[in-house]
Amino acid sequence: MIDLCFLHGVPKPTLALLYQDSKEARHLKTYEVMLKEKDFGDGPWGQSSVEAGACMLIAVKCGGVLVLGEQSITYHSGSEFKSIATPFAIYKAYEPIDPTRYLLGDHQGGLHVLILDCARAEGPVRGLALETM
C-alpha cells in the first residue's frame, strides 16, 4: 500500500487505495466500509495501471480523488478522468486552500497551486491546471 484516503460525497464510507502489485505496477481501487459487518466490500470504481511514479492521493470535495505522480496529476471519479502533465516532481505535502485549489510541496522545496475547474462546488471536475509559485 502506498497511500489511502476517504472519499467525499459518497453515500457509504469509501476508501480509495493506491497500491503496488508484485510486478511493481501501481493501481487505484475503492472499497466500501461495511460498518455493521466490520469488513470491506468492493467500492464503486477502480483504475488499474496508474502512473508508475504515483505516490499520493487527495480526496476532493467535489467528489473523486487526485492521484499525484512524478510526471502527471490525474483526477478519477469512476466515470470522470482528467489528467495534466507536470514537470518532474515528487510531491511530499499538500494543503487545501479552498474546495477547488490545493497547495502542493515538492521534493525540492518548490510550491505549486493545483486548480480544479469545476462547474459547481459539488463537481464534476472539467479540467486541471498547475501553477508554480
N, C-alpha and C. Protein backbone atom coordinates (compact mmCIF):
# COMPACT_ATOMS: atom_id res chain seq x y z
N MET A 1 0.85 -1.17 0.00
CA MET A 1 0.00 0.00 0.00
C MET A 1 0.89 1.23 0.00
N ILE A 2 0.53 2.21 -0.83
CA ILE A 2 1.31 3.44 -0.94
C ILE A 2 0.60 4.58 -0.24
N ASP A 3 -0.72 4.72 -0.46
CA ASP A 3 -1.48 5.80 0.17
C ASP A 3 -2.95 5.42 0.18
N LEU A 4 -3.72 6.05 1.06
CA LEU A 4 -5.17 5.85 1.10
C LEU A 4 -5.84 7.10 1.62
N CYS A 5 -7.13 7.25 1.28
CA CYS A 5 -7.91 8.38 1.78
C CYS A 5 -9.39 8.02 1.69
N PHE A 6 -10.21 8.66 2.53
CA PHE A 6 -11.66 8.52 2.44
C PHE A 6 -12.18 9.49 1.38
N LEU A 7 -13.13 9.03 0.57
CA LEU A 7 -13.74 9.88 -0.46
C LEU A 7 -14.83 10.75 0.14
N HIS A 8 -15.04 11.92 -0.46
CA HIS A 8 -16.11 12.84 -0.07
C HIS A 8 -17.33 12.61 -0.98
N GLY A 9 -18.51 12.91 -0.47
CA GLY A 9 -19.71 12.92 -1.29
C GLY A 9 -20.20 11.57 -1.77
N VAL A 10 -19.88 10.52 -1.06
CA VAL A 10 -20.38 9.18 -1.41
C VAL A 10 -21.36 8.73 -0.34
N PRO A 11 -22.37 7.93 -0.70
CA PRO A 11 -23.40 7.56 0.27
C PRO A 11 -22.90 6.69 1.43
N LYS A 12 -21.89 5.85 1.19
CA LYS A 12 -21.33 4.99 2.24
C LYS A 12 -19.86 5.35 2.42
N PRO A 13 -19.30 5.16 3.63
CA PRO A 13 -17.87 5.42 3.80
C PRO A 13 -17.06 4.61 2.79
N THR A 14 -16.23 5.30 2.01
CA THR A 14 -15.49 4.65 0.94
C THR A 14 -14.03 5.08 0.97
N LEU A 15 -13.15 4.10 0.94
CA LEU A 15 -11.72 4.33 0.90
C LEU A 15 -11.20 4.22 -0.52
N ALA A 16 -10.30 5.11 -0.90
CA ALA A 16 -9.54 4.97 -2.14
C ALA A 16 -8.15 4.51 -1.71
N LEU A 17 -7.62 3.52 -2.40
CA LEU A 17 -6.35 2.91 -2.04
C LEU A 17 -5.43 2.90 -3.24
N LEU A 18 -4.23 3.44 -3.08
CA LEU A 18 -3.19 3.39 -4.09
C LEU A 18 -2.20 2.32 -3.65
N TYR A 19 -1.99 1.32 -4.51
CA TYR A 19 -1.11 0.22 -4.13
C TYR A 19 -0.24 -0.22 -5.30
N GLN A 20 0.79 -0.97 -4.98
CA GLN A 20 1.71 -1.52 -5.97
C GLN A 20 1.62 -3.03 -5.92
N ASP A 21 1.51 -3.68 -7.09
CA ASP A 21 1.41 -5.14 -7.12
C ASP A 21 2.80 -5.77 -7.19
N SER A 22 2.85 -7.09 -7.29
CA SER A 22 4.12 -7.82 -7.28
C SER A 22 4.97 -7.53 -8.52
N LYS A 23 4.36 -7.01 -9.57
CA LYS A 23 5.11 -6.66 -10.80
C LYS A 23 5.49 -5.17 -10.81
N GLU A 24 5.30 -4.51 -9.66
CA GLU A 24 5.62 -3.10 -9.46
C GLU A 24 4.76 -2.13 -10.26
N ALA A 25 3.60 -2.59 -10.73
CA ALA A 25 2.62 -1.70 -11.36
C ALA A 25 1.76 -1.11 -10.25
N ARG A 26 1.35 0.15 -10.42
CA ARG A 26 0.54 0.82 -9.40
C ARG A 26 -0.90 0.91 -9.87
N HIS A 27 -1.82 0.78 -8.89
CA HIS A 27 -3.25 0.73 -9.19
C HIS A 27 -4.03 1.55 -8.16
N LEU A 28 -5.22 1.97 -8.55
CA LEU A 28 -6.15 2.69 -7.67
C LEU A 28 -7.39 1.85 -7.54
N LYS A 29 -7.84 1.62 -6.31
CA LYS A 29 -9.03 0.80 -6.06
C LYS A 29 -9.83 1.44 -4.95
N THR A 30 -11.15 1.30 -5.00
CA THR A 30 -12.00 1.80 -3.93
C THR A 30 -12.65 0.63 -3.19
N TYR A 31 -12.87 0.86 -1.90
CA TYR A 31 -13.52 -0.13 -1.05
C TYR A 31 -14.56 0.57 -0.20
N GLU A 32 -15.77 -0.02 -0.11
CA GLU A 32 -16.79 0.48 0.80
C GLU A 32 -16.54 -0.13 2.17
N VAL A 33 -16.67 0.68 3.20
CA VAL A 33 -16.51 0.20 4.57
C VAL A 33 -17.88 -0.21 5.07
N MET A 34 -18.05 -1.50 5.34
CA MET A 34 -19.32 -2.04 5.85
C MET A 34 -19.23 -2.06 7.37
N LEU A 35 -19.83 -1.03 7.99
CA LEU A 35 -19.66 -0.83 9.43
C LEU A 35 -20.27 -1.95 10.26
N LYS A 36 -21.49 -2.38 9.93
CA LYS A 36 -22.15 -3.43 10.72
C LYS A 36 -21.37 -4.74 10.65
N GLU A 37 -20.86 -5.08 9.46
CA GLU A 37 -20.13 -6.33 9.28
C GLU A 37 -18.66 -6.22 9.70
N LYS A 38 -18.19 -4.98 9.93
CA LYS A 38 -16.79 -4.72 10.24
C LYS A 38 -15.88 -5.34 9.19
N ASP A 39 -16.19 -4.99 7.93
CA ASP A 39 -15.48 -5.58 6.80
C ASP A 39 -15.45 -4.57 5.65
N PHE A 40 -14.76 -4.93 4.58
CA PHE A 40 -14.70 -4.12 3.37
C PHE A 40 -15.40 -4.84 2.23
N GLY A 41 -16.03 -4.06 1.35
CA GLY A 41 -16.63 -4.59 0.14
C GLY A 41 -16.08 -3.83 -1.05
N ASP A 42 -16.33 -4.34 -2.24
CA ASP A 42 -15.88 -3.65 -3.44
C ASP A 42 -16.49 -2.26 -3.50
N GLY A 43 -15.67 -1.30 -3.86
CA GLY A 43 -16.12 0.08 -3.98
C GLY A 43 -16.76 0.34 -5.33
N PRO A 44 -17.17 1.58 -5.55
CA PRO A 44 -17.90 1.91 -6.77
C PRO A 44 -17.04 1.90 -8.03
N TRP A 45 -15.71 2.01 -7.92
CA TRP A 45 -14.85 2.03 -9.11
C TRP A 45 -13.40 1.79 -8.73
N GLY A 46 -12.60 1.60 -9.74
CA GLY A 46 -11.16 1.43 -9.58
C GLY A 46 -10.48 1.74 -10.90
N GLN A 47 -9.19 1.88 -10.87
CA GLN A 47 -8.42 2.17 -12.08
C GLN A 47 -7.13 1.36 -12.01
N SER A 48 -6.96 0.45 -12.95
CA SER A 48 -5.71 -0.29 -12.96
C SER A 48 -4.67 0.51 -13.73
N SER A 49 -3.44 0.27 -13.40
CA SER A 49 -2.29 0.87 -14.09
C SER A 49 -2.30 2.39 -14.11
N VAL A 50 -2.19 3.00 -12.95
CA VAL A 50 -1.96 4.44 -12.88
C VAL A 50 -0.46 4.67 -13.10
N GLU A 51 -0.04 5.91 -13.14
CA GLU A 51 1.37 6.23 -13.39
C GLU A 51 2.29 5.47 -12.43
N ALA A 52 3.41 4.98 -12.95
CA ALA A 52 4.36 4.21 -12.14
C ALA A 52 4.93 5.02 -10.98
N GLY A 53 4.99 6.34 -11.13
CA GLY A 53 5.52 7.20 -10.07
C GLY A 53 4.46 7.76 -9.15
N ALA A 54 3.20 7.28 -9.26
CA ALA A 54 2.12 7.77 -8.40
C ALA A 54 2.47 7.51 -6.94
N CYS A 55 2.30 8.56 -6.10
CA CYS A 55 2.74 8.40 -4.71
C CYS A 55 1.77 8.99 -3.69
N MET A 56 0.75 9.74 -4.14
CA MET A 56 -0.11 10.41 -3.18
C MET A 56 -1.54 10.51 -3.72
N LEU A 57 -2.51 10.39 -2.81
CA LEU A 57 -3.93 10.58 -3.14
C LEU A 57 -4.46 11.79 -2.38
N ILE A 58 -5.35 12.54 -3.04
CA ILE A 58 -6.04 13.64 -2.39
C ILE A 58 -7.52 13.50 -2.72
N ALA A 59 -8.35 13.30 -1.70
CA ALA A 59 -9.80 13.28 -1.90
C ALA A 59 -10.29 14.71 -2.09
N VAL A 60 -11.06 14.95 -3.13
CA VAL A 60 -11.53 16.31 -3.40
C VAL A 60 -13.00 16.45 -3.01
N LYS A 61 -13.36 17.65 -2.53
CA LYS A 61 -14.72 17.90 -2.03
C LYS A 61 -15.79 17.69 -3.10
N CYS A 62 -15.46 17.96 -4.36
CA CYS A 62 -16.46 17.82 -5.43
C CYS A 62 -16.56 16.37 -5.90
N GLY A 63 -16.01 15.44 -5.15
CA GLY A 63 -16.10 14.02 -5.48
C GLY A 63 -14.87 13.55 -6.23
N GLY A 64 -14.52 12.30 -6.02
CA GLY A 64 -13.37 11.73 -6.70
C GLY A 64 -12.08 11.93 -5.94
N VAL A 65 -10.99 11.59 -6.62
CA VAL A 65 -9.67 11.62 -5.99
C VAL A 65 -8.63 12.05 -7.01
N LEU A 66 -7.63 12.77 -6.52
CA LEU A 66 -6.48 13.15 -7.34
C LEU A 66 -5.35 12.17 -7.06
N VAL A 67 -4.69 11.71 -8.12
CA VAL A 67 -3.51 10.85 -8.00
C VAL A 67 -2.31 11.68 -8.43
N LEU A 68 -1.40 11.94 -7.50
CA LEU A 68 -0.21 12.73 -7.79
C LEU A 68 0.94 11.80 -8.12
N GLY A 69 1.50 12.01 -9.30
CA GLY A 69 2.64 11.21 -9.75
C GLY A 69 3.83 12.10 -10.04
N GLU A 70 4.90 11.50 -10.52
CA GLU A 70 6.12 12.25 -10.81
C GLU A 70 5.99 13.06 -12.10
N GLN A 71 5.12 12.62 -13.03
CA GLN A 71 5.02 13.28 -14.32
C GLN A 71 3.61 13.76 -14.65
N SER A 72 2.65 13.43 -13.79
CA SER A 72 1.28 13.85 -14.06
C SER A 72 0.47 13.90 -12.78
N ILE A 73 -0.63 14.64 -12.87
CA ILE A 73 -1.65 14.65 -11.82
C ILE A 73 -2.94 14.25 -12.51
N THR A 74 -3.62 13.26 -11.95
CA THR A 74 -4.81 12.72 -12.59
C THR A 74 -5.99 12.75 -11.62
N TYR A 75 -7.15 13.14 -12.15
CA TYR A 75 -8.40 13.13 -11.38
C TYR A 75 -9.21 11.92 -11.79
N HIS A 76 -9.70 11.15 -10.82
CA HIS A 76 -10.54 9.97 -11.07
C HIS A 76 -11.82 10.08 -10.25
N SER A 77 -12.95 9.71 -10.85
CA SER A 77 -14.19 9.62 -10.08
C SER A 77 -15.09 8.51 -10.60
N GLY A 78 -14.53 7.52 -11.19
CA GLY A 78 -15.34 6.45 -11.77
C GLY A 78 -15.63 6.74 -13.22
N SER A 79 -16.58 7.65 -13.47
CA SER A 79 -16.93 7.98 -14.84
C SER A 79 -16.08 9.11 -15.40
N GLU A 80 -15.45 9.90 -14.54
CA GLU A 80 -14.65 11.05 -14.98
C GLU A 80 -13.16 10.73 -14.85
N PHE A 81 -12.39 11.21 -15.80
CA PHE A 81 -10.95 11.03 -15.80
C PHE A 81 -10.33 12.24 -16.49
N LYS A 82 -9.52 12.99 -15.76
CA LYS A 82 -8.82 14.16 -16.29
C LYS A 82 -7.37 14.05 -15.86
N SER A 83 -6.44 14.49 -16.74
CA SER A 83 -5.03 14.40 -16.42
C SER A 83 -4.28 15.59 -16.98
N ILE A 84 -3.24 16.03 -16.27
CA ILE A 84 -2.34 17.04 -16.79
C ILE A 84 -0.91 16.56 -16.60
N ALA A 85 -0.06 16.87 -17.56
CA ALA A 85 1.36 16.57 -17.44
C ALA A 85 1.99 17.64 -16.55
N THR A 86 2.97 17.24 -15.76
CA THR A 86 3.65 18.17 -14.88
C THR A 86 5.15 18.05 -15.08
N PRO A 87 5.89 19.11 -14.76
CA PRO A 87 7.35 18.94 -14.75
C PRO A 87 7.70 17.92 -13.68
N PHE A 88 8.78 17.19 -13.87
CA PHE A 88 9.16 16.14 -12.91
C PHE A 88 9.16 16.69 -11.49
N ALA A 89 8.37 16.07 -10.64
CA ALA A 89 8.30 16.47 -9.23
C ALA A 89 7.81 15.29 -8.41
N ILE A 90 8.35 15.16 -7.24
CA ILE A 90 7.86 14.17 -6.28
C ILE A 90 7.16 14.98 -5.19
N TYR A 91 5.84 14.91 -5.17
CA TYR A 91 5.07 15.70 -4.21
C TYR A 91 5.14 15.06 -2.84
N LYS A 92 5.42 15.88 -1.85
CA LYS A 92 5.60 15.41 -0.49
C LYS A 92 4.50 15.87 0.46
N ALA A 93 3.83 16.98 0.13
CA ALA A 93 2.83 17.53 1.05
C ALA A 93 1.80 18.31 0.25
N TYR A 94 0.61 18.43 0.84
CA TYR A 94 -0.45 19.25 0.24
C TYR A 94 -1.29 19.85 1.35
N GLU A 95 -1.98 20.91 1.00
CA GLU A 95 -2.93 21.54 1.91
C GLU A 95 -4.01 22.19 1.07
N PRO A 96 -5.29 21.91 1.36
CA PRO A 96 -6.35 22.58 0.61
C PRO A 96 -6.37 24.07 0.93
N ILE A 97 -6.49 24.89 -0.10
CA ILE A 97 -6.67 26.33 0.07
C ILE A 97 -8.16 26.61 0.18
N ASP A 98 -8.92 26.00 -0.71
CA ASP A 98 -10.39 26.02 -0.72
C ASP A 98 -10.82 24.77 -1.49
N PRO A 99 -12.12 24.54 -1.72
CA PRO A 99 -12.53 23.28 -2.37
C PRO A 99 -11.98 23.05 -3.78
N THR A 100 -11.49 24.08 -4.45
CA THR A 100 -11.00 23.89 -5.82
C THR A 100 -9.52 24.22 -6.01
N ARG A 101 -8.81 24.54 -4.93
CA ARG A 101 -7.38 24.85 -5.04
C ARG A 101 -6.60 24.16 -3.93
N TYR A 102 -5.43 23.61 -4.31
CA TYR A 102 -4.58 22.89 -3.37
C TYR A 102 -3.14 23.39 -3.50
N LEU A 103 -2.51 23.63 -2.37
CA LEU A 103 -1.11 23.99 -2.34
C LEU A 103 -0.32 22.69 -2.25
N LEU A 104 0.63 22.49 -3.18
CA LEU A 104 1.44 21.28 -3.22
C LEU A 104 2.90 21.64 -2.97
N GLY A 105 3.58 20.83 -2.17
CA GLY A 105 5.00 20.99 -1.93
C GLY A 105 5.75 19.81 -2.53
N ASP A 106 6.85 20.10 -3.26
CA ASP A 106 7.59 19.01 -3.90
C ASP A 106 8.90 18.71 -3.18
N HIS A 107 9.62 17.71 -3.68
CA HIS A 107 10.84 17.21 -3.05
C HIS A 107 12.00 18.20 -3.10
N GLN A 108 11.90 19.24 -3.91
CA GLN A 108 12.96 20.23 -4.00
C GLN A 108 12.60 21.53 -3.28
N GLY A 109 11.51 21.50 -2.54
CA GLY A 109 11.08 22.68 -1.79
C GLY A 109 10.22 23.63 -2.60
N GLY A 110 9.85 23.24 -3.82
CA GLY A 110 9.01 24.08 -4.66
C GLY A 110 7.56 24.05 -4.21
N LEU A 111 6.86 25.14 -4.44
CA LEU A 111 5.43 25.22 -4.13
C LEU A 111 4.65 25.41 -5.42
N HIS A 112 3.51 24.74 -5.50
CA HIS A 112 2.65 24.78 -6.67
C HIS A 112 1.22 24.91 -6.20
N VAL A 113 0.38 25.54 -7.03
CA VAL A 113 -1.06 25.59 -6.76
C VAL A 113 -1.75 24.77 -7.83
N LEU A 114 -2.49 23.75 -7.41
CA LEU A 114 -3.30 22.94 -8.31
C LEU A 114 -4.71 23.49 -8.29
N ILE A 115 -5.25 23.80 -9.47
CA ILE A 115 -6.57 24.40 -9.58
C ILE A 115 -7.50 23.42 -10.31
N LEU A 116 -8.64 23.13 -9.68
CA LEU A 116 -9.65 22.27 -10.29
C LEU A 116 -10.70 23.16 -10.95
N ASP A 117 -10.99 22.89 -12.21
CA ASP A 117 -12.04 23.62 -12.93
C ASP A 117 -13.33 22.83 -12.73
N CYS A 118 -14.21 23.34 -11.86
CA CYS A 118 -15.48 22.67 -11.55
C CYS A 118 -16.65 23.55 -11.98
N ALA A 119 -17.66 22.94 -12.54
CA ALA A 119 -18.87 23.67 -12.91
C ALA A 119 -19.60 24.16 -11.67
N ARG A 120 -19.63 23.30 -10.66
CA ARG A 120 -20.29 23.61 -9.39
C ARG A 120 -19.39 23.12 -8.26
N ALA A 121 -19.66 23.55 -7.05
CA ALA A 121 -18.85 23.13 -5.90
C ALA A 121 -18.87 21.62 -5.71
N GLU A 122 -19.97 20.96 -6.11
CA GLU A 122 -20.07 19.51 -5.94
C GLU A 122 -19.61 18.75 -7.18
N GLY A 123 -19.03 19.45 -8.16
CA GLY A 123 -18.44 18.77 -9.32
C GLY A 123 -19.32 18.86 -10.54
N PRO A 124 -19.00 18.20 -11.59
CA PRO A 124 -17.79 17.41 -11.80
C PRO A 124 -16.59 18.27 -12.17
N VAL A 125 -15.41 17.70 -12.07
CA VAL A 125 -14.19 18.39 -12.46
C VAL A 125 -14.08 18.36 -13.98
N ARG A 126 -13.94 19.54 -14.58
CA ARG A 126 -13.84 19.64 -16.05
C ARG A 126 -12.41 19.71 -16.52
N GLY A 127 -11.49 20.11 -15.64
CA GLY A 127 -10.09 20.24 -16.03
C GLY A 127 -9.21 20.56 -14.84
N LEU A 128 -7.91 20.50 -15.06
CA LEU A 128 -6.92 20.76 -14.02
C LEU A 128 -5.89 21.73 -14.56
N ALA A 129 -5.36 22.57 -13.68
CA ALA A 129 -4.27 23.48 -14.04
C ALA A 129 -3.29 23.53 -12.87
N LEU A 130 -2.01 23.67 -13.19
CA LEU A 130 -0.97 23.72 -12.17
C LEU A 130 -0.15 24.98 -12.38
N GLU A 131 -0.03 25.76 -11.33
CA GLU A 131 0.79 27.00 -11.38
C GLU A 131 1.92 26.87 -10.38
N THR A 132 3.15 27.15 -10.84
CA THR A 132 4.30 27.13 -9.96
C THR A 132 4.45 28.48 -9.30
N MET A 133 4.72 28.48 -8.01
CA MET A 133 4.87 29.75 -7.28
C MET A 133 6.33 30.16 -7.23
